């Protein structure tokens, strides 16, 4: 259950970072660095989530789905 909660939190943080980048893009009219920083945070979170999923799969915490 902890892994599922962590995955959901990471996904929410990724979406939040994406919307903050959109906000900064509109507010700064593409002139500031805040949009790039927010997108960098989103990419970092996405890579972290991918690594977490891979680690969970290889350790057996996340298994194969049963159709």
C-alpha atoms as a PDB file:
ATOM      1  CA  UNK A   1       0.000   0.000   0.000  1.00  0.00           C
ATOM      2  CA  UNK A   2       2.919   2.314   0.715  1.00  0.00           C
ATOM      3  CA  UNK A   3       4.265   1.895  -2.816  1.00  0.00           C
ATOM      4  CA  UNK A   4       0.887   2.720  -4.370  1.00  0.00           C
ATOM      5  CA  UNK A   5       0.617   5.844  -2.228  1.00  0.00           C
ATOM      6  CA  UNK A   6       4.134   6.908  -3.175  1.00  0.00           C
ATOM      7  CA  UNK A   7       3.366   6.421  -6.873  1.00  0.00           C
ATOM      8  CA  UNK A   8       0.191   8.511  -6.600  1.00  0.00           C
ATOM      9  CA  UNK A   9       2.026  11.277  -4.737  1.00  0.00           C
ATOM     10  CA  UNK A  10       4.781  11.322  -7.354  1.00  0.00           C
ATOM     11  CA  UNK A  11       2.208  11.527 -10.157  1.00  0.00           C
ATOM     12  CA  UNK A  12       0.450  14.417  -8.421  1.00  0.00           C
ATOM     13  CA  UNK A  13       3.766  16.232  -7.983  1.00  0.00           C
ATOM     14  CA  UNK A  14       4.560  15.717 -11.674  1.00  0.00           C
ATOM     15  CA  UNK A  15       1.190  17.150 -12.735  1.00  0.00           C
ATOM     16  CA  UNK A  16       1.571  20.027 -10.271  1.00  0.00           C
ATOM     17  CA  UNK A  17       4.992  20.859 -11.655  1.00  0.00           C
ATOM     18  CA  UNK A  18       3.607  20.782 -15.189  1.00  0.00           C
ATOM     19  CA  UNK A  19       0.838  23.233 -14.295  1.00  0.00           C
ATOM     20  CA  UNK A  20       3.270  25.510 -12.474  1.00  0.00           C
ATOM     21  CA  UNK A  21       5.404  25.580 -15.633  1.00  0.00           C
ATOM     22  CA  UNK A  22       2.315  26.545 -17.627  1.00  0.00           C
ATOM     23  CA  UNK A  23       1.520  29.291 -15.110  1.00  0.00           C
ATOM     24  CA  UNK A  24       5.062  30.681 -15.278  1.00  0.00           C
ATOM     25  CA  UNK A  25       5.023  30.485 -19.072  1.00  0.00           C
ATOM     26  CA  UNK A  26       1.853  32.575 -19.221  1.00  0.00           C
ATOM     27  CA  UNK A  27       2.888  35.007 -16.481  1.00  0.00           C
ATOM     28  CA  UNK A  28       6.457  35.614 -17.691  1.00  0.00           C
ATOM     29  CA  UNK A  29       5.478  35.522 -21.375  1.00  0.00           C
ATOM     30  CA  UNK A  30       8.301  33.079 -22.098  1.00  0.00           C
ATOM     31  CA  UNK A  31      11.012  35.451 -20.864  1.00  0.00           C
ATOM     32  CA  UNK A  32      11.857  34.003 -17.441  1.00  0.00           C
ATOM     33  CA  UNK A  33      13.787  30.977 -16.273  1.00  0.00           C
ATOM     34  CA  UNK A  34      11.065  29.745 -13.929  1.00  0.00           C
ATOM     35  CA  UNK A  35       9.355  27.747 -16.695  1.00  0.00           C
ATOM     36  CA  UNK A  36      12.556  25.865 -17.471  1.00  0.00           C
ATOM     37  CA  UNK A  37      13.160  25.184 -13.773  1.00  0.00           C
ATOM     38  CA  UNK A  38       9.630  23.840 -13.301  1.00  0.00           C
ATOM     39  CA  UNK A  39      10.019  21.586 -16.343  1.00  0.00           C
ATOM     40  CA  UNK A  40      13.384  20.394 -15.032  1.00  0.00           C
ATOM     41  CA  UNK A  41      11.687  19.443 -11.765  1.00  0.00           C
ATOM     42  CA  UNK A  42       9.007  17.581 -13.736  1.00  0.00           C
ATOM     43  CA  UNK A  43      11.595  15.634 -15.714  1.00  0.00           C
ATOM     44  CA  UNK A  44      13.505  14.778 -12.537  1.00  0.00           C
ATOM     45  CA  UNK A  45      10.338  13.552 -10.841  1.00  0.00           C
ATOM     46  CA  UNK A  46       9.421  11.506 -13.906  1.00  0.00           C
ATOM     47  CA  UNK A  47      12.826   9.835 -13.976  1.00  0.00           C
ATOM     48  CA  UNK A  48      12.591   9.201 -10.240  1.00  0.00           C
ATOM     49  CA  UNK A  49       9.163   7.610 -10.668  1.00  0.00           C
ATOM     50  CA  UNK A  50      10.437   5.441 -13.502  1.00  0.00           C
ATOM     51  CA  UNK A  51      13.365   4.269 -11.385  1.00  0.00           C
ATOM     52  CA  UNK A  52      11.033   3.604  -8.450  1.00  0.00           C
ATOM     53  CA  UNK A  53       8.787   1.490 -10.666  1.00  0.00           C
ATOM     54  CA  UNK A  54      11.747  -0.431 -12.053  1.00  0.00           C
ATOM     55  CA  UNK A  55      13.126  -1.039  -8.557  1.00  0.00           C
ATOM     56  CA  UNK A  56       9.721  -2.203  -7.358  1.00  0.00           C
ATOM     57  CA  UNK A  57       9.403  -4.585 -10.273  1.00  0.00           C
ATOM     58  CA  UNK A  58      12.861  -6.092  -9.869  1.00  0.00           C
ATOM     59  CA  UNK A  59      12.492  -6.534  -6.085  1.00  0.00           C
ATOM     60  CA  UNK A  60       9.077  -8.135  -6.485  1.00  0.00           C
ATOM     61  CA  UNK A  61       7.084  -5.415  -4.706  1.00  0.00           C
ATOM     62  CA  UNK A  62       5.262  -4.686  -7.968  1.00  0.00           C
ATOM     63  CA  UNK A  63       4.248  -7.864  -9.761  1.00  0.00           C
ATOM     64  CA  UNK A  64       2.752  -8.846 -13.062  1.00  0.00           C
ATOM     65  CA  UNK A  65      -0.889  -7.865 -13.576  1.00  0.00           C
ATOM     66  CA  UNK A  66      -3.258 -10.836 -13.656  1.00  0.00           C
ATOM     67  CA  UNK A  67      -5.789 -10.484 -16.489  1.00  0.00           C
END
